[in-house]
Amino acid sequence: MSIALKLSAELVEMAKPHAAAEHRSVPKQIEYWARLGKAVDENPDLPLQFIKDTLLALQEEKAGQLAPYTFGV
């Protein structure tokens, strides 16, 4: 579901170079920041990189890109 939001021009301008570097649209970049911020807020004891890696792994799973891992091999 999409809804219109009024965002500050400052936030939109901050998002532009990050969006370009990550090949995202500006709205998708801001959405990513919101999801990441929510995950950080809900898990204050976890390192940021661990949270980023976990969010990436969830998307890889949805895309069917995970392979089974065998311990001890």
C-alpha atoms as a PDB file:
ATOM      1  CA  MET A   1       0.000   0.000   0.000  1.00  0.00           C
ATOM      2  CA  SER A   2       1.328   3.420  -0.908  1.00  0.00           C
ATOM      3  CA  ILE A   3       0.441   6.662   0.782  1.00  0.00           C
ATOM      4  CA  ALA A   4       1.661  10.191   0.252  1.00  0.00           C
ATOM      5  CA  LEU A   5       3.893  11.640   2.958  1.00  0.00           C
ATOM      6  CA  LYS A   6       5.303  15.106   3.345  1.00  0.00           C
ATOM      7  CA  LEU A   7       9.042  14.821   3.984  1.00  0.00           C
ATOM      8  CA  SER A   8      11.506  17.577   4.668  1.00  0.00           C
ATOM      9  CA  ALA A   9      13.552  18.741   1.716  1.00  0.00           C
ATOM     10  CA  GLU A  10      16.657  18.155   3.851  1.00  0.00           C
ATOM     11  CA  LEU A  11      15.848  14.441   4.287  1.00  0.00           C
ATOM     12  CA  VAL A  12      15.134  14.023   0.581  1.00  0.00           C
ATOM     13  CA  GLU A  13      18.420  15.738  -0.346  1.00  0.00           C
ATOM     14  CA  MET A  14      20.338  13.575   2.145  1.00  0.00           C
ATOM     15  CA  ALA A  15      18.807  10.455   0.597  1.00  0.00           C
ATOM     16  CA  LYS A  16      19.695  11.267  -3.023  1.00  0.00           C
ATOM     17  CA  PRO A  17      23.403  10.301  -3.023  1.00  0.00           C
ATOM     18  CA  HIS A  18      22.744   7.194  -0.907  1.00  0.00           C
ATOM     19  CA  ALA A  19      19.937   6.156  -3.241  1.00  0.00           C
ATOM     20  CA  ALA A  20      22.161   6.587  -6.285  1.00  0.00           C
ATOM     21  CA  ALA A  21      25.010   4.626  -4.700  1.00  0.00           C
ATOM     22  CA  GLU A  22      22.685   1.743  -3.782  1.00  0.00           C
ATOM     23  CA  HIS A  23      20.716   1.840  -7.075  1.00  0.00           C
ATOM     24  CA  ARG A  24      17.479   2.669  -5.259  1.00  0.00           C
ATOM     25  CA  SER A  25      14.913   5.362  -5.820  1.00  0.00           C
ATOM     26  CA  VAL A  26      14.867   8.150  -3.230  1.00  0.00           C
ATOM     27  CA  PRO A  27      11.575   6.883  -1.722  1.00  0.00           C
ATOM     28  CA  LYS A  28      12.977   3.335  -1.508  1.00  0.00           C
ATOM     29  CA  GLN A  29      16.129   4.665   0.172  1.00  0.00           C
ATOM     30  CA  ILE A  30      14.067   6.463   2.802  1.00  0.00           C
ATOM     31  CA  GLU A  31      11.967   3.307   3.260  1.00  0.00           C
ATOM     32  CA  TYR A  32      15.185   1.316   3.774  1.00  0.00           C
ATOM     33  CA  TRP A  33      16.365   3.805   6.382  1.00  0.00           C
ATOM     34  CA  ALA A  34      13.014   3.548   8.154  1.00  0.00           C
ATOM     35  CA  ARG A  35      13.150  -0.267   8.234  1.00  0.00           C
ATOM     36  CA  LEU A  36      16.744  -0.230   9.419  1.00  0.00           C
ATOM     37  CA  GLY A  37      15.967   2.359  12.085  1.00  0.00           C
ATOM     38  CA  LYS A  38      13.018   0.302  13.314  1.00  0.00           C
ATOM     39  CA  ALA A  39      15.193  -2.824  13.533  1.00  0.00           C
ATOM     40  CA  VAL A  40      17.913  -0.923  15.412  1.00  0.00           C
ATOM     41  CA  ASP A  41      15.343   0.548  17.792  1.00  0.00           C
ATOM     42  CA  GLU A  42      13.879  -2.903  18.482  1.00  0.00           C
ATOM     43  CA  ASN A  43      17.330  -4.503  18.956  1.00  0.00           C
ATOM     44  CA  PRO A  44      19.542  -1.940  20.708  1.00  0.00           C
ATOM     45  CA  ASP A  45      22.070  -4.538  21.867  1.00  0.00           C
ATOM     46  CA  LEU A  46      22.878  -5.842  18.376  1.00  0.00           C
ATOM     47  CA  PRO A  47      25.615  -4.319  16.201  1.00  0.00           C
ATOM     48  CA  LEU A  48      24.390  -2.351  13.188  1.00  0.00           C
ATOM     49  CA  GLN A  49      26.215  -4.581  10.694  1.00  0.00           C
ATOM     50  CA  PHE A  50      24.586  -7.685  12.194  1.00  0.00           C
ATOM     51  CA  ILE A  51      21.154  -6.092  11.718  1.00  0.00           C
ATOM     52  CA  LYS A  52      21.988  -5.111   8.122  1.00  0.00           C
ATOM     53  CA  ASP A  53      23.212  -8.633   7.360  1.00  0.00           C
ATOM     54  CA  THR A  54      20.072 -10.116   8.895  1.00  0.00           C
ATOM     55  CA  LEU A  55      17.782  -7.877   6.827  1.00  0.00           C
ATOM     56  CA  LEU A  56      19.755  -8.844   3.710  1.00  0.00           C
ATOM     57  CA  ALA A  57      19.482 -12.551   4.564  1.00  0.00           C
ATOM     58  CA  LEU A  58      15.709 -12.217   4.933  1.00  0.00           C
ATOM     59  CA  GLN A  59      15.477 -10.735   1.432  1.00  0.00           C
ATOM     60  CA  GLU A  60      17.782 -13.406   0.021  1.00  0.00           C
ATOM     61  CA  GLU A  61      15.522 -16.054   1.536  1.00  0.00           C
ATOM     62  CA  LYS A  62      12.444 -14.483  -0.065  1.00  0.00           C
ATOM     63  CA  ALA A  63      14.285 -14.509  -3.401  1.00  0.00           C
ATOM     64  CA  GLY A  64      15.215 -18.199  -3.005  1.00  0.00           C
ATOM     65  CA  GLN A  65      18.924 -17.433  -2.916  1.00  0.00           C
ATOM     66  CA  LEU A  66      19.868 -19.300   0.251  1.00  0.00           C
ATOM     67  CA  ALA A  67      21.724 -22.588   0.273  1.00  0.00           C
ATOM     68  CA  PRO A  68      21.790 -25.069   3.160  1.00  0.00           C
ATOM     69  CA  TYR A  69      24.794 -24.760   5.458  1.00  0.00           C
ATOM     70  CA  THR A  70      26.411 -27.900   6.845  1.00  0.00           C
ATOM     71  CA  PHE A  71      28.248 -27.435  10.126  1.00  0.00           C
ATOM     72  CA  GLY A  72      31.601 -29.100  10.634  1.00  0.00           C
ATOM     73  CA  VAL A  73      32.406 -29.680   6.975  1.00  0.00           C
END
